[in-house]
């Protein structure tokens, strides 16, 4: 499932980095912390790998 916004793609990248042990979990905040807690590494890879070209900066959640 691709990311729907640039912000979502960035948050997934931060969470993925923490899952892999490249950054500290304590450095995560907001959406990236929620993603770290609720998504698998494979799911985070899908979001983080989304091409940011053409994506809006933010998308309202419904």
PDB file of N, CA and C in Angstrom:
ATOM      1  N   UNK A   1       0.845  -1.172   0.000  1.00  0.00           N
ATOM      2  CA  UNK A   1       0.000   0.000   0.000  1.00  0.00           C
ATOM      3  C   UNK A   1       0.895   1.242   0.000  1.00  0.00           C
ATOM      4  N   UNK A   2       0.770   2.088  -0.977  1.00  0.00           N
ATOM      5  CA  UNK A   2       1.624   3.275  -1.027  1.00  0.00           C
ATOM      6  C   UNK A   2       1.149   4.361  -0.065  1.00  0.00           C
ATOM      7  N   UNK A   3       2.077   5.230   0.310  1.00  0.00           N
ATOM      8  CA  UNK A   3       1.747   6.373   1.155  1.00  0.00           C
ATOM      9  C   UNK A   3       0.859   7.336   0.374  1.00  0.00           C
ATOM     10  N   UNK A   4       0.003   8.066   1.078  1.00  0.00           N
ATOM     11  CA  UNK A   4      -0.909   9.005   0.433  1.00  0.00           C
ATOM     12  C   UNK A   4      -0.404  10.442   0.491  1.00  0.00           C
ATOM     13  N   UNK A   5       0.645  10.690   1.261  1.00  0.00           N
ATOM     14  CA  UNK A   5       1.198  12.038   1.354  1.00  0.00           C
ATOM     15  C   UNK A   5       2.689  11.962   1.649  1.00  0.00           C
ATOM     16  N   UNK A   6       3.375  13.088   1.430  1.00  0.00           N
ATOM     17  CA  UNK A   6       4.798  13.155   1.725  1.00  0.00           C
ATOM     18  C   UNK A   6       5.044  12.966   3.211  1.00  0.00           C
ATOM     19  N   UNK A   7       4.186  13.546   4.037  1.00  0.00           N
ATOM     20  CA  UNK A   7       4.344  13.430   5.488  1.00  0.00           C
ATOM     21  C   UNK A   7       4.230  11.973   5.931  1.00  0.00           C
ATOM     22  N   UNK A   8       3.299  11.240   5.352  1.00  0.00           N
ATOM     23  CA  UNK A   8       3.115   9.827   5.690  1.00  0.00           C
ATOM     24  C   UNK A   8       4.338   9.013   5.253  1.00  0.00           C
ATOM     25  N   UNK A   9       4.892   9.331   4.095  1.00  0.00           N
ATOM     26  CA  UNK A   9       6.066   8.625   3.594  1.00  0.00           C
ATOM     27  C   UNK A   9       7.274   8.883   4.495  1.00  0.00           C
ATOM     28  N   UNK A  10       7.437  10.123   4.933  1.00  0.00           N
ATOM     29  CA  UNK A  10       8.554  10.472   5.819  1.00  0.00           C
ATOM     30  C   UNK A  10       8.419   9.783   7.175  1.00  0.00           C
ATOM     31  N   UNK A  11       7.204   9.770   7.722  1.00  0.00           N
ATOM     32  CA  UNK A  11       6.971   9.125   9.018  1.00  0.00           C
ATOM     33  C   UNK A  11       7.260   7.632   8.930  1.00  0.00           C
ATOM     34  N   UNK A  12       6.864   7.011   7.829  1.00  0.00           N
ATOM     35  CA  UNK A  12       7.118   5.583   7.649  1.00  0.00           C
ATOM     36  C   UNK A  12       8.626   5.322   7.557  1.00  0.00           C
ATOM     37  N   UNK A  13       9.345   6.203   6.902  1.00  0.00           N
ATOM     38  CA  UNK A  13      10.792   6.053   6.806  1.00  0.00           C
ATOM     39  C   UNK A  13      11.462   6.134   8.165  1.00  0.00           C
ATOM     40  N   UNK A  14      11.004   7.053   9.004  1.00  0.00           N
ATOM     41  CA  UNK A  14      11.560   7.188  10.348  1.00  0.00           C
ATOM     42  C   UNK A  14      11.253   5.950  11.185  1.00  0.00           C
ATOM     43  N   UNK A  15      10.013   5.467  11.102  1.00  0.00           N
ATOM     44  CA  UNK A  15       9.621   4.271  11.852  1.00  0.00           C
ATOM     45  C   UNK A  15      10.395   3.044  11.374  1.00  0.00           C
ATOM     46  N   UNK A  16      10.596   2.929  10.079  1.00  0.00           N
ATOM     47  CA  UNK A  16      11.346   1.807   9.515  1.00  0.00           C
ATOM     48  C   UNK A  16      12.791   1.835  10.002  1.00  0.00           C
ATOM     49  N   UNK A  17      13.376   3.001  10.051  1.00  0.00           N
ATOM     50  CA  UNK A  17      14.740   3.143  10.538  1.00  0.00           C
ATOM     51  C   UNK A  17      14.861   2.669  11.988  1.00  0.00           C
ATOM     52  N   UNK A  18      13.871   2.982  12.792  1.00  0.00           N
ATOM     53  CA  UNK A  18      13.872   2.532  14.188  1.00  0.00           C
ATOM     54  C   UNK A  18      13.657   1.022  14.279  1.00  0.00           C
ATOM     55  N   UNK A  19      12.779   0.479  13.442  1.00  0.00           N
ATOM     56  CA  UNK A  19      12.538  -0.972  13.435  1.00  0.00           C
ATOM     57  C   UNK A  19      13.820  -1.729  13.117  1.00  0.00           C
ATOM     58  N   UNK A  20      14.634  -1.150  12.246  1.00  0.00           N
ATOM     59  CA  UNK A  20      15.875  -1.796  11.823  1.00  0.00           C
ATOM     60  C   UNK A  20      17.019  -1.533  12.796  1.00  0.00           C
ATOM     61  N   UNK A  21      16.769  -0.713  13.812  1.00  0.00           N
ATOM     62  CA  UNK A  21      17.793  -0.416  14.800  1.00  0.00           C
ATOM     63  C   UNK A  21      18.773   0.657  14.373  1.00  0.00           C
ATOM     64  N   UNK A  22      18.463   1.372  13.303  1.00  0.00           N
ATOM     65  CA  UNK A  22      19.352   2.413  12.798  1.00  0.00           C
ATOM     66  C   UNK A  22      19.206   3.718  13.572  1.00  0.00           C
ATOM     67  N   UNK A  23      18.041   3.943  14.167  1.00  0.00           N
ATOM     68  CA  UNK A  23      17.797   5.107  15.014  1.00  0.00           C
ATOM     69  C   UNK A  23      17.097   4.638  16.283  1.00  0.00           C
ATOM     70  N   UNK A  24      17.077   5.496  17.281  1.00  0.00           N
ATOM     71  CA  UNK A  24      16.460   5.125  18.557  1.00  0.00           C
ATOM     72  C   UNK A  24      14.949   5.295  18.505  1.00  0.00           C
ATOM     73  N   UNK A  25      14.241   4.361  19.091  1.00  0.00           N
ATOM     74  CA  UNK A  25      12.788   4.437  19.168  1.00  0.00           C
ATOM     75  C   UNK A  25      12.379   5.667  19.974  1.00  0.00           C
ATOM     76  N   UNK A  26      13.166   6.022  20.961  1.00  0.00           N
ATOM     77  CA  UNK A  26      12.847   7.187  21.795  1.00  0.00           C
ATOM     78  C   UNK A  26      12.895   8.497  21.008  1.00  0.00           C
ATOM     79  N   UNK A  27      13.518   8.500  19.830  1.00  0.00           N
ATOM     80  CA  UNK A  27      13.560   9.698  18.993  1.00  0.00           C
ATOM     81  C   UNK A  27      12.283   9.870  18.167  1.00  0.00           C
ATOM     82  N   UNK A  28      11.464   8.823  18.084  1.00  0.00           N
ATOM     83  CA  UNK A  28      10.228   8.896  17.306  1.00  0.00           C
ATOM     84  C   UNK A  28       9.173   9.685  18.063  1.00  0.00           C
ATOM     85  N   UNK A  29       8.322  10.380  17.296  1.00  0.00           N
ATOM     86  CA  UNK A  29       7.203  11.074  17.902  1.00  0.00           C
ATOM     87  C   UNK A  29       6.052  11.150  16.898  1.00  0.00           C
ATOM     88  N   UNK A  30       4.867  11.339  17.411  1.00  0.00           N
ATOM     89  CA  UNK A  30       3.701  11.502  16.548  1.00  0.00           C
ATOM     90  C   UNK A  30       3.404  10.266  15.713  1.00  0.00           C
ATOM     91  N   UNK A  31       3.157  10.514  14.416  1.00  0.00           N
ATOM     92  CA  UNK A  31       2.750   9.447  13.504  1.00  0.00           C
ATOM     93  C   UNK A  31       3.810   8.368  13.357  1.00  0.00           C
ATOM     94  N   UNK A  32       5.078   8.746  13.363  1.00  0.00           N
ATOM     95  CA  UNK A  32       6.122   7.736  13.190  1.00  0.00           C
ATOM     96  C   UNK A  32       6.142   6.766  14.372  1.00  0.00           C
ATOM     97  N   UNK A  33       5.886   7.255  15.585  1.00  0.00           N
ATOM     98  CA  UNK A  33       5.828   6.379  16.755  1.00  0.00           C
ATOM     99  C   UNK A  33       4.619   5.443  16.662  1.00  0.00           C
ATOM    100  N   UNK A  34       3.491   5.973  16.243  1.00  0.00           N
ATOM    101  CA  UNK A  34       2.292   5.143  16.058  1.00  0.00           C
ATOM    102  C   UNK A  34       2.532   4.067  15.000  1.00  0.00           C
ATOM    103  N   UNK A  35       3.181   4.447  13.905  1.00  0.00           N
ATOM    104  CA  UNK A  35       3.472   3.486  12.840  1.00  0.00           C
ATOM    105  C   UNK A  35       4.432   2.408  13.339  1.00  0.00           C
ATOM    106  N   UNK A  36       5.432   2.794  14.101  1.00  0.00           N
ATOM    107  CA  UNK A  36       6.395   1.845  14.657  1.00  0.00           C
ATOM    108  C   UNK A  36       5.679   0.793  15.497  1.00  0.00           C
ATOM    109  N   UNK A  37       4.731   1.241  16.313  1.00  0.00           N
ATOM    110  CA  UNK A  37       4.015   0.339  17.212  1.00  0.00           C
ATOM    111  C   UNK A  37       3.003  -0.554  16.498  1.00  0.00           C
ATOM    112  N   UNK A  38       2.429  -0.079  15.401  1.00  0.00           N
ATOM    113  CA  UNK A  38       1.295  -0.807  14.813  1.00  0.00           C
ATOM    114  C   UNK A  38       1.568  -1.499  13.482  1.00  0.00           C
ATOM    115  N   UNK A  39       2.734  -1.272  12.869  1.00  0.00           N
ATOM    116  CA  UNK A  39       2.983  -1.820  11.540  1.00  0.00           C
ATOM    117  C   UNK A  39       4.216  -2.721  11.535  1.00  0.00           C
ATOM    118  N   UNK A  40       4.197  -3.681  10.624  1.00  0.00           N
ATOM    119  CA  UNK A  40       5.348  -4.578  10.470  1.00  0.00           C
ATOM    120  C   UNK A  40       6.415  -3.891   9.617  1.00  0.00           C
ATOM    121  N   UNK A  41       7.607  -4.458   9.616  1.00  0.00           N
ATOM    122  CA  UNK A  41       8.693  -3.904   8.806  1.00  0.00           C
ATOM    123  C   UNK A  41       8.329  -3.918   7.326  1.00  0.00           C
ATOM    124  N   UNK A  42       7.668  -4.978   6.862  1.00  0.00           N
ATOM    125  CA  UNK A  42       7.268  -5.059   5.453  1.00  0.00           C
ATOM    126  C   UNK A  42       6.268  -3.955   5.097  1.00  0.00           C
ATOM    127  N   UNK A  43       5.296  -3.706   5.979  1.00  0.00           N
ATOM    128  CA  UNK A  43       4.318  -2.642   5.727  1.00  0.00           C
ATOM    129  C   UNK A  43       5.008  -1.276   5.686  1.00  0.00           C
ATOM    130  N   UNK A  44       5.931  -1.062   6.603  1.00  0.00           N
ATOM    131  CA  UNK A  44       6.652   0.205   6.628  1.00  0.00           C
ATOM    132  C   UNK A  44       7.498   0.382   5.378  1.00  0.00           C
ATOM    133  N   UNK A  45       8.084  -0.695   4.886  1.00  0.00           N
ATOM    134  CA  UNK A  45       8.869  -0.626   3.646  1.00  0.00           C
ATOM    135  C   UNK A  45       8.007  -0.175   2.484  1.00  0.00           C
ATOM    136  N   UNK A  46       6.785  -0.699   2.404  1.00  0.00           N
ATOM    137  CA  UNK A  46       5.871  -0.309   1.324  1.00  0.00           C
ATOM    138  C   UNK A  46       5.568   1.190   1.372  1.00  0.00           C
ATOM    139  N   UNK A  47       5.273   1.696   2.558  1.00  0.00           N
ATOM    140  CA  UNK A  47       4.973   3.119   2.702  1.00  0.00           C
ATOM    141  C   UNK A  47       6.204   3.965   2.407  1.00  0.00           C
ATOM    142  N   UNK A  48       7.341   3.592   2.965  1.00  0.00           N
ATOM    143  CA  UNK A  48       8.557   4.385   2.828  1.00  0.00           C
ATOM    144  C   UNK A  48       9.088   4.388   1.396  1.00  0.00           C
ATOM    145  N   UNK A  49       8.811   3.345   0.641  1.00  0.00           N
ATOM    146  CA  UNK A  49       9.322   3.235  -0.725  1.00  0.00           C
ATOM    147  C   UNK A  49       8.491   4.016  -1.737  1.00  0.00           C
ATOM    148  N   UNK A  50       7.388   4.604  -1.319  1.00  0.00           N
ATOM    149  CA  UNK A  50       6.533   5.362  -2.219  1.00  0.00           C
ATOM    150  C   UNK A  50       7.286   6.554  -2.794  1.00  0.00           C
ATOM    151  N   UNK A  51       7.176   6.740  -4.092  1.00  0.00           N
ATOM    152  CA  UNK A  51       7.788   7.894  -4.748  1.00  0.00           C
ATOM    153  C   UNK A  51       7.038   9.149  -4.300  1.00  0.00           C
ATOM    154  N   UNK A  52       7.761  10.134  -3.794  1.00  0.00           N
ATOM    155  CA  UNK A  52       7.130  11.340  -3.257  1.00  0.00           C
ATOM    156  C   UNK A  52       6.706  12.320  -4.347  1.00  0.00           C
ATOM    157  N   UNK A  53       7.181  12.134  -5.547  1.00  0.00           N
ATOM    158  CA  UNK A  53       6.832  13.055  -6.626  1.00  0.00           C
ATOM    159  C   UNK A  53       5.320  13.020  -6.873  1.00  0.00           C
ATOM    160  N   UNK A  54       4.708  14.175  -6.827  1.00  0.00           N
ATOM    161  CA  UNK A  54       3.281  14.280  -7.097  1.00  0.00           C
ATOM    162  C   UNK A  54       2.388  14.076  -5.887  1.00  0.00           C
ATOM    163  N   UNK A  55       2.960  13.709  -4.750  1.00  0.00           N
ATOM    164  CA  UNK A  55       2.147  13.526  -3.548  1.00  0.00           C
ATOM    165  C   UNK A  55       1.918  14.871  -2.868  1.00  0.00           C
ATOM    166  N   UNK A  56       0.748  15.060  -2.268  1.00  0.00           N
ATOM    167  CA  UNK A  56       0.535  16.277  -1.487  1.00  0.00           C
ATOM    168  C   UNK A  56       1.351  16.212  -0.205  1.00  0.00           C
ATOM    169  N   UNK A  57       1.624  17.356   0.404  1.00  0.00           N
ATOM    170  CA  UNK A  57       2.393  17.384   1.645  1.00  0.00           C
ATOM    171  C   UNK A  57       1.633  16.661   2.760  1.00  0.00           C
ATOM    172  N   UNK A  58       0.335  16.939   2.879  1.00  0.00           N
ATOM    173  CA  UNK A  58      -0.512  16.318   3.910  1.00  0.00           C
ATOM    174  C   UNK A  58      -1.851  15.938   3.309  1.00  0.00           C
ATOM    175  N   UNK A  59      -2.513  14.951   3.915  1.00  0.00           N
ATOM    176  CA  UNK A  59      -3.845  14.535   3.523  1.00  0.00           C
ATOM    177  C   UNK A  59      -4.681  14.441   4.784  1.00  0.00           C
ATOM    178  N   UNK A  60      -5.887  14.992   4.752  1.00  0.00           N
ATOM    179  CA  UNK A  60      -6.776  14.886   5.901  1.00  0.00           C
ATOM    180  C   UNK A  60      -7.219  13.459   6.099  1.00  0.00           C
ATOM    181  N   UNK A  61      -7.216  13.002   7.358  1.00  0.00           N
ATOM    182  CA  UNK A  61      -7.691  11.654   7.667  1.00  0.00           C
ATOM    183  C   UNK A  61      -9.200  11.708   7.891  1.00  0.00           C
ATOM    184  N   UNK A  62      -9.908  10.750   7.368  1.00  0.00           N
ATOM    185  CA  UNK A  62     -11.370  10.676   7.556  1.00  0.00           C
ATOM    186  C   UNK A  62     -11.725   9.566   8.482  1.00  0.00           C
TER     187      UNK A  62
END
